[in-house]
N, C-alpha and C. Protein backbone atom coordinates (compact mmCIF):
# COMPACT_ATOMS: atom_id res chain seq x y z
N UNK A 1 50.53 -66.80 -79.85
CA UNK A 1 49.37 -65.93 -80.10
C UNK A 1 48.26 -66.20 -79.08
N UNK A 2 47.66 -65.13 -78.59
CA UNK A 2 46.53 -65.24 -77.67
C UNK A 2 45.24 -65.26 -78.49
N UNK A 3 44.50 -66.35 -78.40
CA UNK A 3 43.27 -66.50 -79.17
C UNK A 3 42.12 -65.83 -78.42
N UNK A 4 41.47 -64.87 -79.09
CA UNK A 4 40.46 -64.03 -78.45
C UNK A 4 39.15 -64.10 -79.22
N UNK A 5 38.03 -64.18 -78.47
CA UNK A 5 36.69 -64.09 -79.06
C UNK A 5 36.03 -62.82 -78.54
N UNK A 6 35.17 -62.22 -79.36
CA UNK A 6 34.52 -60.96 -79.02
C UNK A 6 33.01 -61.17 -79.00
N UNK A 7 32.34 -60.69 -77.91
CA UNK A 7 30.88 -60.78 -77.82
C UNK A 7 30.32 -59.38 -77.57
N UNK A 8 29.50 -58.91 -78.50
CA UNK A 8 28.82 -57.63 -78.34
C UNK A 8 27.66 -57.59 -79.33
N UNK A 9 26.55 -57.01 -78.91
CA UNK A 9 25.41 -56.93 -79.81
C UNK A 9 25.54 -55.75 -80.77
N UNK A 10 26.58 -54.94 -80.61
CA UNK A 10 26.79 -53.77 -81.47
C UNK A 10 27.84 -54.12 -82.53
N UNK A 11 27.44 -54.18 -83.78
CA UNK A 11 28.36 -54.57 -84.86
C UNK A 11 29.55 -53.63 -84.95
N UNK A 12 29.30 -52.34 -84.83
CA UNK A 12 30.37 -51.36 -84.94
C UNK A 12 31.41 -51.57 -83.84
N UNK A 13 30.94 -51.93 -82.65
CA UNK A 13 31.84 -52.16 -81.52
C UNK A 13 32.70 -53.40 -81.77
N UNK A 14 32.07 -54.47 -82.25
CA UNK A 14 32.82 -55.69 -82.56
C UNK A 14 33.87 -55.44 -83.62
N UNK A 15 33.47 -54.73 -84.69
CA UNK A 15 34.40 -54.48 -85.79
C UNK A 15 35.54 -53.57 -85.35
N UNK A 16 35.23 -52.62 -84.46
CA UNK A 16 36.28 -51.74 -83.95
C UNK A 16 37.30 -52.50 -83.12
N UNK A 17 36.81 -53.39 -82.26
CA UNK A 17 37.71 -54.21 -81.46
C UNK A 17 38.55 -55.12 -82.34
N UNK A 18 37.91 -55.71 -83.35
CA UNK A 18 38.64 -56.58 -84.27
C UNK A 18 39.78 -55.82 -84.94
N UNK A 19 39.50 -54.62 -85.40
CA UNK A 19 40.52 -53.82 -86.08
C UNK A 19 41.66 -53.46 -85.12
N UNK A 20 41.30 -53.09 -83.89
CA UNK A 20 42.32 -52.71 -82.90
C UNK A 20 43.20 -53.90 -82.55
N UNK A 21 42.55 -55.05 -82.25
CA UNK A 21 43.30 -56.22 -81.81
C UNK A 21 44.14 -56.82 -82.93
N UNK A 22 43.69 -56.65 -84.18
CA UNK A 22 44.43 -57.19 -85.32
C UNK A 22 45.77 -56.51 -85.50
N UNK A 23 45.93 -55.33 -84.92
CA UNK A 23 47.19 -54.60 -85.03
C UNK A 23 48.23 -55.09 -84.03
N UNK A 24 47.79 -55.94 -83.10
CA UNK A 24 48.72 -56.49 -82.10
C UNK A 24 49.33 -57.78 -82.62
N UNK A 25 50.62 -57.94 -82.44
CA UNK A 25 51.32 -59.11 -82.98
C UNK A 25 51.08 -60.38 -82.17
N UNK A 26 50.59 -60.25 -80.93
CA UNK A 26 50.42 -61.44 -80.10
C UNK A 26 48.95 -61.77 -79.81
N UNK A 27 48.02 -61.14 -80.54
CA UNK A 27 46.59 -61.39 -80.35
C UNK A 27 45.96 -61.77 -81.68
N UNK A 28 45.13 -62.84 -81.65
CA UNK A 28 44.44 -63.28 -82.86
C UNK A 28 42.96 -63.49 -82.52
N UNK A 29 42.08 -62.79 -83.23
CA UNK A 29 40.65 -62.91 -83.00
C UNK A 29 40.11 -64.13 -83.75
N UNK A 30 39.59 -65.09 -83.00
CA UNK A 30 39.11 -66.34 -83.60
C UNK A 30 37.65 -66.28 -84.00
N UNK A 31 36.91 -65.28 -83.49
CA UNK A 31 35.51 -65.19 -83.85
C UNK A 31 34.80 -64.06 -83.13
N UNK A 32 33.60 -63.74 -83.63
CA UNK A 32 32.76 -62.70 -83.05
C UNK A 32 31.34 -63.25 -82.87
N UNK A 33 30.63 -62.73 -81.87
CA UNK A 33 29.24 -63.13 -81.66
C UNK A 33 28.45 -61.93 -81.16
N UNK A 34 27.16 -61.89 -81.50
CA UNK A 34 26.33 -60.76 -81.10
C UNK A 34 25.51 -61.05 -79.84
N UNK A 35 25.47 -62.30 -79.39
CA UNK A 35 24.68 -62.67 -78.22
C UNK A 35 25.31 -63.87 -77.52
N UNK A 36 24.82 -64.18 -76.34
CA UNK A 36 25.34 -65.33 -75.61
C UNK A 36 25.07 -66.63 -76.39
N UNK A 37 23.88 -66.77 -76.93
CA UNK A 37 23.56 -67.99 -77.68
C UNK A 37 24.51 -68.16 -78.86
N UNK A 38 24.76 -67.05 -79.58
CA UNK A 38 25.70 -67.12 -80.70
C UNK A 38 27.10 -67.46 -80.20
N UNK A 39 27.46 -66.90 -79.04
CA UNK A 39 28.79 -67.15 -78.49
C UNK A 39 28.97 -68.60 -78.09
N UNK A 40 27.94 -69.19 -77.49
CA UNK A 40 28.02 -70.59 -77.08
C UNK A 40 28.19 -71.50 -78.30
N UNK A 41 27.47 -71.18 -79.37
CA UNK A 41 27.60 -71.96 -80.60
C UNK A 41 29.00 -71.80 -81.19
N UNK A 42 29.50 -70.56 -81.14
CA UNK A 42 30.83 -70.30 -81.70
C UNK A 42 31.92 -71.01 -80.91
N UNK A 43 31.83 -70.94 -79.58
CA UNK A 43 32.88 -71.51 -78.74
C UNK A 43 32.84 -73.04 -78.70
N UNK A 44 31.74 -73.60 -79.18
CA UNK A 44 31.70 -75.05 -79.36
C UNK A 44 32.54 -75.46 -80.57
N UNK A 45 32.76 -74.50 -81.46
CA UNK A 45 33.49 -74.78 -82.70
C UNK A 45 34.96 -74.34 -82.64
N UNK A 46 35.23 -73.24 -81.95
CA UNK A 46 36.59 -72.71 -81.87
C UNK A 46 36.98 -72.52 -80.41
N UNK A 47 38.25 -72.61 -80.12
CA UNK A 47 38.73 -72.40 -78.75
C UNK A 47 39.30 -71.00 -78.62
N UNK A 48 39.06 -70.39 -77.48
CA UNK A 48 39.56 -69.04 -77.22
C UNK A 48 40.14 -69.01 -75.82
N UNK A 49 41.34 -68.49 -75.70
CA UNK A 49 41.93 -68.34 -74.38
C UNK A 49 41.27 -67.22 -73.60
N UNK A 50 40.87 -66.19 -74.34
CA UNK A 50 40.25 -65.01 -73.72
C UNK A 50 38.97 -64.68 -74.47
N UNK A 51 37.89 -64.42 -73.72
CA UNK A 51 36.61 -64.01 -74.32
C UNK A 51 36.29 -62.60 -73.83
N UNK A 52 36.16 -61.67 -74.75
CA UNK A 52 35.81 -60.29 -74.41
C UNK A 52 34.30 -60.13 -74.49
N UNK A 53 33.69 -59.65 -73.41
CA UNK A 53 32.24 -59.48 -73.38
C UNK A 53 31.92 -58.01 -73.13
N UNK A 54 31.21 -57.42 -74.07
CA UNK A 54 30.68 -56.07 -73.88
C UNK A 54 29.58 -56.18 -72.82
N UNK A 55 29.77 -55.53 -71.68
CA UNK A 55 28.85 -55.72 -70.55
C UNK A 55 27.42 -55.30 -70.91
N UNK A 56 27.27 -54.41 -71.88
CA UNK A 56 25.92 -54.03 -72.30
C UNK A 56 25.19 -55.21 -72.93
N UNK A 57 25.95 -56.23 -73.38
CA UNK A 57 25.33 -57.42 -73.97
C UNK A 57 24.89 -58.42 -72.91
N UNK A 58 25.34 -58.23 -71.68
CA UNK A 58 24.98 -59.14 -70.58
C UNK A 58 24.83 -58.31 -69.31
N UNK A 59 23.79 -57.47 -69.23
CA UNK A 59 23.69 -56.49 -68.14
C UNK A 59 23.52 -57.06 -66.75
N UNK A 60 23.03 -58.31 -66.60
CA UNK A 60 22.80 -58.84 -65.26
C UNK A 60 23.87 -59.84 -64.81
N UNK A 61 24.89 -60.04 -65.64
CA UNK A 61 26.03 -60.91 -65.35
C UNK A 61 25.66 -62.40 -65.32
N UNK A 62 24.37 -62.74 -65.36
CA UNK A 62 23.99 -64.15 -65.38
C UNK A 62 24.56 -64.85 -66.61
N UNK A 63 24.52 -64.14 -67.74
CA UNK A 63 25.04 -64.73 -68.97
C UNK A 63 26.55 -64.94 -68.88
N UNK A 64 27.22 -64.02 -68.21
CA UNK A 64 28.67 -64.15 -68.03
C UNK A 64 28.98 -65.37 -67.16
N UNK A 65 28.18 -65.58 -66.12
CA UNK A 65 28.37 -66.75 -65.26
C UNK A 65 28.19 -68.04 -66.06
N UNK A 66 27.18 -68.05 -66.92
CA UNK A 66 26.94 -69.22 -67.76
C UNK A 66 28.14 -69.49 -68.66
N UNK A 67 28.67 -68.43 -69.24
CA UNK A 67 29.82 -68.55 -70.13
C UNK A 67 31.03 -69.08 -69.37
N UNK A 68 31.30 -68.52 -68.20
CA UNK A 68 32.45 -68.95 -67.40
C UNK A 68 32.32 -70.39 -66.95
N UNK A 69 31.08 -70.79 -66.59
CA UNK A 69 30.87 -72.16 -66.11
C UNK A 69 31.02 -73.18 -67.23
N UNK A 70 30.55 -72.85 -68.43
CA UNK A 70 30.59 -73.82 -69.53
C UNK A 70 31.97 -73.94 -70.15
N UNK A 71 32.73 -72.84 -70.14
CA UNK A 71 34.07 -72.86 -70.75
C UNK A 71 35.10 -72.39 -69.72
N UNK A 72 35.37 -73.21 -68.71
CA UNK A 72 36.26 -72.80 -67.62
C UNK A 72 37.70 -72.52 -68.08
N UNK A 73 38.09 -73.05 -69.24
CA UNK A 73 39.45 -72.81 -69.71
C UNK A 73 39.59 -71.48 -70.44
N UNK A 74 38.47 -70.85 -70.74
CA UNK A 74 38.49 -69.53 -71.38
C UNK A 74 38.40 -68.46 -70.30
N UNK A 75 39.27 -67.49 -70.37
CA UNK A 75 39.27 -66.40 -69.40
C UNK A 75 38.34 -65.30 -69.90
N UNK A 76 37.30 -65.02 -69.14
CA UNK A 76 36.30 -64.04 -69.57
C UNK A 76 36.67 -62.65 -69.05
N UNK A 77 36.75 -61.69 -69.97
CA UNK A 77 36.97 -60.29 -69.62
C UNK A 77 35.73 -59.49 -70.00
N UNK A 78 35.35 -58.55 -69.16
CA UNK A 78 34.20 -57.70 -69.49
C UNK A 78 34.67 -56.28 -69.75
N UNK A 79 33.99 -55.63 -70.68
CA UNK A 79 34.33 -54.28 -71.07
C UNK A 79 33.19 -53.33 -70.70
N UNK A 80 33.54 -52.13 -70.28
CA UNK A 80 32.52 -51.14 -69.96
C UNK A 80 31.99 -51.25 -68.56
N UNK A 81 32.80 -51.76 -67.62
CA UNK A 81 32.36 -51.90 -66.23
C UNK A 81 32.31 -50.53 -65.56
N UNK A 82 31.28 -50.31 -64.75
CA UNK A 82 31.23 -49.08 -63.97
C UNK A 82 32.36 -49.07 -62.95
N UNK A 83 32.96 -47.93 -62.77
CA UNK A 83 34.12 -47.82 -61.89
C UNK A 83 33.68 -47.60 -60.45
N UNK A 84 33.03 -48.63 -59.88
CA UNK A 84 32.64 -48.54 -58.47
C UNK A 84 32.82 -49.90 -57.81
N UNK A 85 32.87 -49.89 -56.49
CA UNK A 85 33.20 -51.11 -55.73
C UNK A 85 32.21 -52.23 -55.97
N UNK A 86 30.92 -51.92 -55.99
CA UNK A 86 29.90 -52.96 -56.15
C UNK A 86 30.03 -53.65 -57.50
N UNK A 87 30.17 -52.87 -58.57
CA UNK A 87 30.29 -53.45 -59.91
C UNK A 87 31.52 -54.32 -60.02
N UNK A 88 32.62 -53.86 -59.45
CA UNK A 88 33.88 -54.61 -59.51
C UNK A 88 33.75 -55.94 -58.77
N UNK A 89 33.19 -55.89 -57.55
CA UNK A 89 33.03 -57.11 -56.75
C UNK A 89 32.08 -58.09 -57.42
N UNK A 90 30.99 -57.57 -58.01
CA UNK A 90 30.03 -58.44 -58.70
C UNK A 90 30.70 -59.15 -59.87
N UNK A 91 31.56 -58.44 -60.58
CA UNK A 91 32.28 -59.05 -61.70
C UNK A 91 33.18 -60.18 -61.21
N UNK A 92 33.89 -59.94 -60.13
CA UNK A 92 34.79 -60.96 -59.59
C UNK A 92 34.02 -62.19 -59.16
N UNK A 93 32.85 -61.99 -58.53
CA UNK A 93 32.06 -63.11 -58.04
C UNK A 93 31.39 -63.88 -59.18
N UNK A 94 31.28 -63.25 -60.35
CA UNK A 94 30.70 -63.92 -61.51
C UNK A 94 31.72 -64.79 -62.24
N UNK A 95 32.95 -64.82 -61.73
CA UNK A 95 33.98 -65.65 -62.34
C UNK A 95 34.76 -64.96 -63.44
N UNK A 96 34.69 -63.63 -63.47
CA UNK A 96 35.38 -62.87 -64.50
C UNK A 96 36.86 -62.76 -64.17
N UNK A 97 37.69 -62.95 -65.18
CA UNK A 97 39.14 -62.96 -64.97
C UNK A 97 39.76 -61.57 -65.07
N UNK A 98 38.99 -60.60 -65.53
CA UNK A 98 39.51 -59.25 -65.65
C UNK A 98 38.48 -58.34 -66.27
N UNK A 99 38.73 -57.06 -66.23
CA UNK A 99 37.78 -56.11 -66.78
C UNK A 99 38.49 -54.83 -67.18
N UNK A 100 37.85 -54.10 -68.07
CA UNK A 100 38.30 -52.77 -68.46
C UNK A 100 37.13 -51.84 -68.21
N UNK A 101 37.33 -50.81 -67.38
CA UNK A 101 36.20 -49.94 -67.06
C UNK A 101 35.94 -48.96 -68.20
N UNK A 102 34.94 -48.13 -68.02
CA UNK A 102 34.48 -47.26 -69.10
C UNK A 102 35.49 -46.20 -69.51
N UNK A 103 36.46 -45.94 -68.64
CA UNK A 103 37.49 -44.97 -68.96
C UNK A 103 38.77 -45.64 -69.45
N UNK A 104 38.74 -46.95 -69.66
CA UNK A 104 39.93 -47.68 -70.06
C UNK A 104 40.38 -47.35 -71.48
N UNK A 105 41.68 -47.49 -71.71
CA UNK A 105 42.27 -47.20 -73.02
C UNK A 105 42.56 -48.50 -73.77
N UNK A 106 43.00 -48.37 -75.03
CA UNK A 106 43.40 -49.53 -75.82
C UNK A 106 44.57 -50.24 -75.13
N UNK A 107 45.48 -49.47 -74.58
CA UNK A 107 46.62 -50.06 -73.86
C UNK A 107 46.16 -50.85 -72.65
N UNK A 108 45.14 -50.33 -71.96
CA UNK A 108 44.57 -51.06 -70.82
C UNK A 108 43.97 -52.39 -71.28
N UNK A 109 43.26 -52.35 -72.40
CA UNK A 109 42.63 -53.56 -72.93
C UNK A 109 43.67 -54.62 -73.27
N UNK A 110 44.70 -54.24 -74.01
CA UNK A 110 45.73 -55.20 -74.41
C UNK A 110 46.47 -55.76 -73.20
N UNK A 111 46.78 -54.89 -72.24
CA UNK A 111 47.48 -55.36 -71.04
C UNK A 111 46.62 -56.33 -70.25
N UNK A 112 45.31 -56.06 -70.18
CA UNK A 112 44.40 -56.93 -69.44
C UNK A 112 44.26 -58.28 -70.14
N UNK A 113 44.20 -58.27 -71.46
CA UNK A 113 44.13 -59.53 -72.22
C UNK A 113 45.37 -60.37 -71.95
N UNK A 114 46.53 -59.75 -72.00
CA UNK A 114 47.78 -60.50 -71.80
C UNK A 114 47.88 -61.05 -70.39
N UNK A 115 47.45 -60.28 -69.41
CA UNK A 115 47.47 -60.77 -68.02
C UNK A 115 46.50 -61.93 -67.84
N UNK A 116 45.30 -61.81 -68.40
CA UNK A 116 44.31 -62.88 -68.27
C UNK A 116 44.81 -64.16 -68.91
N UNK A 117 45.42 -64.06 -70.08
CA UNK A 117 45.94 -65.24 -70.77
C UNK A 117 47.04 -65.91 -69.95
N UNK A 118 47.74 -65.11 -69.15
CA UNK A 118 48.81 -65.64 -68.30
C UNK A 118 48.30 -66.09 -66.94
N UNK A 119 46.97 -66.01 -66.72
CA UNK A 119 46.40 -66.41 -65.44
C UNK A 119 46.58 -65.38 -64.35
N UNK A 120 46.75 -64.12 -64.74
CA UNK A 120 46.98 -63.05 -63.78
C UNK A 120 45.83 -62.04 -63.84
N UNK A 121 45.64 -61.32 -62.74
CA UNK A 121 44.63 -60.27 -62.68
C UNK A 121 45.32 -58.92 -62.69
N UNK A 122 44.95 -58.09 -63.63
CA UNK A 122 45.50 -56.74 -63.70
C UNK A 122 44.48 -55.78 -63.11
N UNK A 123 44.85 -55.13 -62.04
CA UNK A 123 43.92 -54.18 -61.42
C UNK A 123 44.70 -53.14 -60.63
N UNK A 124 44.03 -52.05 -60.32
CA UNK A 124 44.66 -50.98 -59.55
C UNK A 124 44.69 -51.35 -58.07
N UNK A 125 45.41 -50.57 -57.30
CA UNK A 125 45.45 -50.81 -55.84
C UNK A 125 44.07 -50.64 -55.23
N UNK A 126 43.30 -49.70 -55.75
CA UNK A 126 41.95 -49.48 -55.21
C UNK A 126 41.08 -50.71 -55.46
N UNK A 127 41.16 -51.26 -56.66
CA UNK A 127 40.38 -52.45 -56.98
C UNK A 127 40.83 -53.63 -56.13
N UNK A 128 42.13 -53.78 -55.94
CA UNK A 128 42.64 -54.86 -55.09
C UNK A 128 42.08 -54.73 -53.67
N UNK A 129 42.00 -53.49 -53.19
CA UNK A 129 41.46 -53.26 -51.85
C UNK A 129 39.99 -53.66 -51.79
N UNK A 130 39.22 -53.33 -52.84
CA UNK A 130 37.80 -53.69 -52.89
C UNK A 130 37.63 -55.20 -52.84
N UNK A 131 38.44 -55.92 -53.62
CA UNK A 131 38.33 -57.38 -53.66
C UNK A 131 38.71 -58.00 -52.32
N UNK A 132 39.73 -57.46 -51.68
CA UNK A 132 40.13 -57.98 -50.37
C UNK A 132 39.03 -57.74 -49.33
N UNK A 133 38.38 -56.60 -49.40
CA UNK A 133 37.29 -56.31 -48.48
C UNK A 133 36.13 -57.29 -48.67
N UNK A 134 35.85 -57.63 -49.94
CA UNK A 134 34.77 -58.57 -50.21
C UNK A 134 35.12 -59.97 -49.71
N UNK A 135 36.37 -60.38 -49.89
CA UNK A 135 36.82 -61.67 -49.38
C UNK A 135 36.68 -61.71 -47.86
N UNK A 136 37.07 -60.62 -47.20
CA UNK A 136 36.95 -60.55 -45.75
C UNK A 136 35.49 -60.64 -45.31
N UNK A 137 34.60 -59.98 -46.06
CA UNK A 137 33.17 -60.01 -45.72
C UNK A 137 32.61 -61.42 -45.87
N UNK A 138 33.02 -62.13 -46.93
CA UNK A 138 32.57 -63.50 -47.11
C UNK A 138 33.06 -64.39 -45.98
N UNK A 139 34.31 -64.20 -45.59
CA UNK A 139 34.87 -65.00 -44.50
C UNK A 139 34.12 -64.73 -43.20
N UNK A 140 33.75 -63.46 -42.98
CA UNK A 140 33.02 -63.10 -41.78
C UNK A 140 31.65 -63.76 -41.76
N UNK A 141 30.95 -63.77 -42.90
CA UNK A 141 29.64 -64.43 -42.99
C UNK A 141 29.78 -65.91 -42.66
N UNK A 142 30.83 -66.53 -43.17
CA UNK A 142 31.01 -67.97 -42.96
C UNK A 142 31.28 -68.26 -41.48
N UNK A 143 32.11 -67.43 -40.85
CA UNK A 143 32.40 -67.64 -39.42
C UNK A 143 31.13 -67.50 -38.59
N UNK A 144 30.31 -66.51 -38.94
CA UNK A 144 29.06 -66.30 -38.20
C UNK A 144 28.14 -67.51 -38.31
N UNK A 145 28.05 -68.06 -39.51
CA UNK A 145 27.20 -69.24 -39.68
C UNK A 145 27.75 -70.43 -38.93
N UNK A 146 29.08 -70.61 -38.98
CA UNK A 146 29.69 -71.74 -38.29
C UNK A 146 29.50 -71.64 -36.78
N UNK A 147 29.45 -70.38 -36.28
CA UNK A 147 29.27 -70.18 -34.84
C UNK A 147 27.81 -70.09 -34.43
N UNK A 148 26.94 -70.19 -35.43
CA UNK A 148 25.51 -70.15 -35.13
C UNK A 148 24.97 -68.77 -34.87
N UNK A 149 25.76 -67.69 -35.24
CA UNK A 149 25.30 -66.34 -34.95
C UNK A 149 24.73 -65.64 -36.17
N UNK A 150 24.89 -66.21 -37.32
CA UNK A 150 24.40 -65.56 -38.52
C UNK A 150 22.90 -65.71 -38.66
N UNK A 151 22.36 -65.02 -39.68
CA UNK A 151 20.93 -65.09 -39.89
C UNK A 151 20.53 -66.33 -40.68
N UNK A 152 21.54 -67.07 -41.16
CA UNK A 152 21.26 -68.19 -42.05
C UNK A 152 20.61 -69.37 -41.35
N UNK A 153 19.73 -70.01 -42.04
CA UNK A 153 19.12 -71.27 -41.60
C UNK A 153 19.47 -72.32 -42.65
N UNK A 154 19.29 -73.57 -42.30
CA UNK A 154 19.61 -74.63 -43.24
C UNK A 154 18.73 -74.50 -44.48
N UNK A 155 19.32 -74.75 -45.63
CA UNK A 155 18.56 -74.72 -46.87
C UNK A 155 17.70 -75.98 -46.98
N UNK A 156 16.54 -75.83 -47.60
CA UNK A 156 15.70 -76.98 -47.86
C UNK A 156 16.34 -77.82 -48.97
N UNK A 157 15.80 -79.02 -49.16
CA UNK A 157 16.35 -79.89 -50.21
C UNK A 157 16.26 -79.21 -51.58
N UNK A 158 15.13 -78.55 -51.85
CA UNK A 158 14.96 -77.87 -53.12
C UNK A 158 15.93 -76.69 -53.25
N UNK A 159 16.12 -75.97 -52.15
CA UNK A 159 17.05 -74.83 -52.19
C UNK A 159 18.49 -75.29 -52.42
N UNK A 160 18.83 -76.46 -51.89
CA UNK A 160 20.16 -77.02 -52.15
C UNK A 160 20.31 -77.31 -53.64
N UNK A 161 19.26 -77.86 -54.26
CA UNK A 161 19.30 -78.12 -55.70
C UNK A 161 19.48 -76.81 -56.47
N UNK A 162 18.76 -75.78 -56.03
CA UNK A 162 18.84 -74.49 -56.72
C UNK A 162 20.22 -73.86 -56.57
N UNK A 163 20.77 -73.88 -55.36
CA UNK A 163 22.07 -73.24 -55.14
C UNK A 163 23.18 -73.98 -55.90
N UNK A 164 23.02 -75.28 -56.07
CA UNK A 164 23.99 -76.03 -56.87
C UNK A 164 23.95 -75.59 -58.33
N UNK A 165 22.76 -75.27 -58.82
CA UNK A 165 22.62 -74.79 -60.20
C UNK A 165 23.12 -73.35 -60.32
N UNK A 166 22.93 -72.57 -59.25
CA UNK A 166 23.48 -71.21 -59.23
C UNK A 166 25.01 -71.27 -59.33
N UNK A 167 25.61 -72.23 -58.64
CA UNK A 167 27.06 -72.40 -58.70
C UNK A 167 27.53 -72.71 -60.12
N UNK A 168 26.67 -73.35 -60.92
CA UNK A 168 27.02 -73.68 -62.30
C UNK A 168 26.82 -72.50 -63.25
N UNK A 169 26.30 -71.39 -62.69
CA UNK A 169 26.12 -70.20 -63.51
C UNK A 169 24.80 -70.11 -64.23
N UNK A 170 23.82 -70.96 -63.86
CA UNK A 170 22.54 -70.96 -64.56
C UNK A 170 21.70 -69.75 -64.16
N UNK A 171 20.93 -69.23 -65.09
CA UNK A 171 20.00 -68.13 -64.82
C UNK A 171 18.74 -68.69 -64.17
N UNK A 172 17.88 -67.79 -63.67
CA UNK A 172 16.62 -68.24 -63.07
C UNK A 172 15.78 -69.02 -64.09
N UNK A 173 15.77 -68.55 -65.33
CA UNK A 173 15.00 -69.23 -66.37
C UNK A 173 15.54 -70.63 -66.63
N UNK A 174 16.87 -70.76 -66.65
CA UNK A 174 17.48 -72.06 -66.88
C UNK A 174 17.26 -73.00 -65.69
N UNK A 175 17.32 -72.44 -64.48
CA UNK A 175 17.04 -73.24 -63.28
C UNK A 175 15.61 -73.76 -63.31
N UNK A 176 14.68 -72.88 -63.69
CA UNK A 176 13.27 -73.27 -63.77
C UNK A 176 13.08 -74.40 -64.76
N UNK A 177 13.73 -74.29 -65.91
CA UNK A 177 13.61 -75.34 -66.92
C UNK A 177 14.21 -76.65 -66.43
N UNK A 178 15.36 -76.57 -65.78
CA UNK A 178 16.04 -77.78 -65.30
C UNK A 178 15.20 -78.50 -64.23
N UNK A 179 14.59 -77.73 -63.33
CA UNK A 179 13.84 -78.32 -62.22
C UNK A 179 12.35 -78.44 -62.51
N UNK A 180 11.94 -77.98 -63.70
CA UNK A 180 10.53 -78.04 -64.11
C UNK A 180 9.64 -77.29 -63.14
N UNK A 181 10.06 -76.06 -62.84
CA UNK A 181 9.27 -75.16 -62.00
C UNK A 181 9.15 -73.84 -62.77
N UNK A 182 8.31 -72.93 -62.27
CA UNK A 182 8.15 -71.64 -62.94
C UNK A 182 9.36 -70.75 -62.67
N UNK A 183 9.58 -69.78 -63.55
CA UNK A 183 10.69 -68.84 -63.34
C UNK A 183 10.48 -68.04 -62.06
N UNK A 184 9.23 -67.70 -61.76
CA UNK A 184 8.93 -66.94 -60.53
C UNK A 184 9.31 -67.76 -59.29
N UNK A 185 9.02 -69.07 -59.33
CA UNK A 185 9.38 -69.94 -58.20
C UNK A 185 10.89 -70.04 -58.06
N UNK A 186 11.58 -70.15 -59.17
CA UNK A 186 13.04 -70.21 -59.13
C UNK A 186 13.60 -68.92 -58.54
N UNK A 187 13.01 -67.79 -58.94
CA UNK A 187 13.45 -66.49 -58.42
C UNK A 187 13.24 -66.42 -56.91
N UNK A 188 12.11 -66.93 -56.43
CA UNK A 188 11.83 -66.93 -54.98
C UNK A 188 12.82 -67.80 -54.23
N UNK A 189 13.15 -68.96 -54.81
CA UNK A 189 14.14 -69.83 -54.16
C UNK A 189 15.49 -69.11 -54.04
N UNK A 190 15.89 -68.44 -55.11
CA UNK A 190 17.18 -67.73 -55.09
C UNK A 190 17.14 -66.62 -54.03
N UNK A 191 16.02 -65.91 -53.94
CA UNK A 191 15.87 -64.85 -52.94
C UNK A 191 16.01 -65.43 -51.53
N UNK A 192 15.36 -66.56 -51.27
CA UNK A 192 15.43 -67.19 -49.94
C UNK A 192 16.85 -67.67 -49.63
N UNK A 193 17.52 -68.18 -50.66
CA UNK A 193 18.89 -68.66 -50.47
C UNK A 193 19.81 -67.50 -50.07
N UNK A 194 19.67 -66.37 -50.75
CA UNK A 194 20.48 -65.20 -50.43
C UNK A 194 20.28 -64.79 -48.97
N UNK A 195 19.02 -64.77 -48.54
CA UNK A 195 18.72 -64.38 -47.16
C UNK A 195 19.31 -65.38 -46.16
N UNK A 196 19.14 -66.67 -46.43
CA UNK A 196 19.61 -67.69 -45.50
C UNK A 196 21.14 -67.74 -45.41
N UNK A 197 21.79 -67.49 -46.53
CA UNK A 197 23.26 -67.53 -46.53
C UNK A 197 23.88 -66.19 -46.16
N UNK A 198 23.04 -65.18 -46.00
CA UNK A 198 23.57 -63.86 -45.67
C UNK A 198 24.36 -63.27 -46.83
N UNK A 199 23.96 -63.60 -48.05
CA UNK A 199 24.68 -63.14 -49.24
C UNK A 199 23.94 -61.96 -49.87
N UNK A 200 24.70 -61.12 -50.58
CA UNK A 200 24.12 -59.95 -51.23
C UNK A 200 23.88 -60.20 -52.72
N UNK A 201 24.62 -61.11 -53.32
CA UNK A 201 24.49 -61.38 -54.74
C UNK A 201 24.49 -62.88 -54.99
N UNK A 202 24.10 -63.28 -56.19
CA UNK A 202 24.13 -64.70 -56.57
C UNK A 202 25.56 -65.22 -56.53
N UNK A 203 26.49 -64.40 -57.01
CA UNK A 203 27.89 -64.82 -57.01
C UNK A 203 28.40 -65.07 -55.60
N UNK A 204 28.00 -64.22 -54.66
CA UNK A 204 28.42 -64.39 -53.27
C UNK A 204 27.79 -65.65 -52.68
N UNK A 205 26.51 -65.90 -53.00
CA UNK A 205 25.85 -67.11 -52.51
C UNK A 205 26.53 -68.35 -53.06
N UNK A 206 26.89 -68.30 -54.35
CA UNK A 206 27.58 -69.44 -54.96
C UNK A 206 28.92 -69.69 -54.30
N UNK A 207 29.65 -68.60 -54.00
CA UNK A 207 30.95 -68.74 -53.36
C UNK A 207 30.82 -69.33 -51.96
N UNK A 208 29.81 -68.89 -51.22
CA UNK A 208 29.58 -69.41 -49.86
C UNK A 208 29.21 -70.89 -49.92
N UNK A 209 28.28 -71.23 -50.80
CA UNK A 209 27.83 -72.63 -50.90
C UNK A 209 28.95 -73.54 -51.38
N UNK A 210 29.80 -73.02 -52.27
CA UNK A 210 30.90 -73.83 -52.82
C UNK A 210 31.86 -74.27 -51.72
N UNK A 211 32.00 -73.45 -50.69
CA UNK A 211 32.93 -73.78 -49.62
C UNK A 211 32.30 -74.64 -48.53
N UNK A 212 31.02 -74.93 -48.65
CA UNK A 212 30.34 -75.71 -47.62
C UNK A 212 30.01 -77.10 -48.14
N UNK A 213 30.52 -78.15 -47.50
CA UNK A 213 30.22 -79.52 -47.94
C UNK A 213 28.73 -79.86 -47.89
N UNK A 214 27.96 -79.10 -47.11
CA UNK A 214 26.53 -79.38 -47.00
C UNK A 214 25.80 -79.09 -48.32
N UNK A 215 26.36 -78.22 -49.15
CA UNK A 215 25.65 -77.78 -50.34
C UNK A 215 26.35 -78.24 -51.62
N UNK A 216 27.19 -79.27 -51.52
CA UNK A 216 27.90 -79.79 -52.69
C UNK A 216 27.69 -81.30 -52.82
């Protein structure tokens, strides 16, 4: 049985998913939560191989990064993703193991859950192409920095601390609390890090920093 947890702030949506998944012989719902805080408390008590997140419950993906970082053995799937390249790439960089877009069916959902539990990514050829393009772009940024041609400059000591926390999936508010600085200051540090690393998103900056021994 694949143990699944559901996160959505809409009760009707959670109950609908529970009813649908309960009809499958190889899926068992271990719990439901209406928010990230509730989900963290729940997942401290029960284990889930797959966590379904209604993207409307975590619109900026920061919460999803936090979830993925704290429970690396749980495969996080997001529901209701916009069917465009940017949204797909942002999901991948947030550590998401799979997604079902807004036009997805129940069959798509079940197939995606089963693939995620098996450590596989279920996606269309178009999505695979988008992900490969993003990987190529990241590699290009890294080569430019290594050759000294990129726009990046060395991160300050504080920025290194911030990017390490970004890699852990912390939000700006959580970074501010950890470093005892204001949220606005944390936001500025993240903005500067993105510019220096030539990254477009927090997930991309985390991926770039993760591959560099200077920032680990």
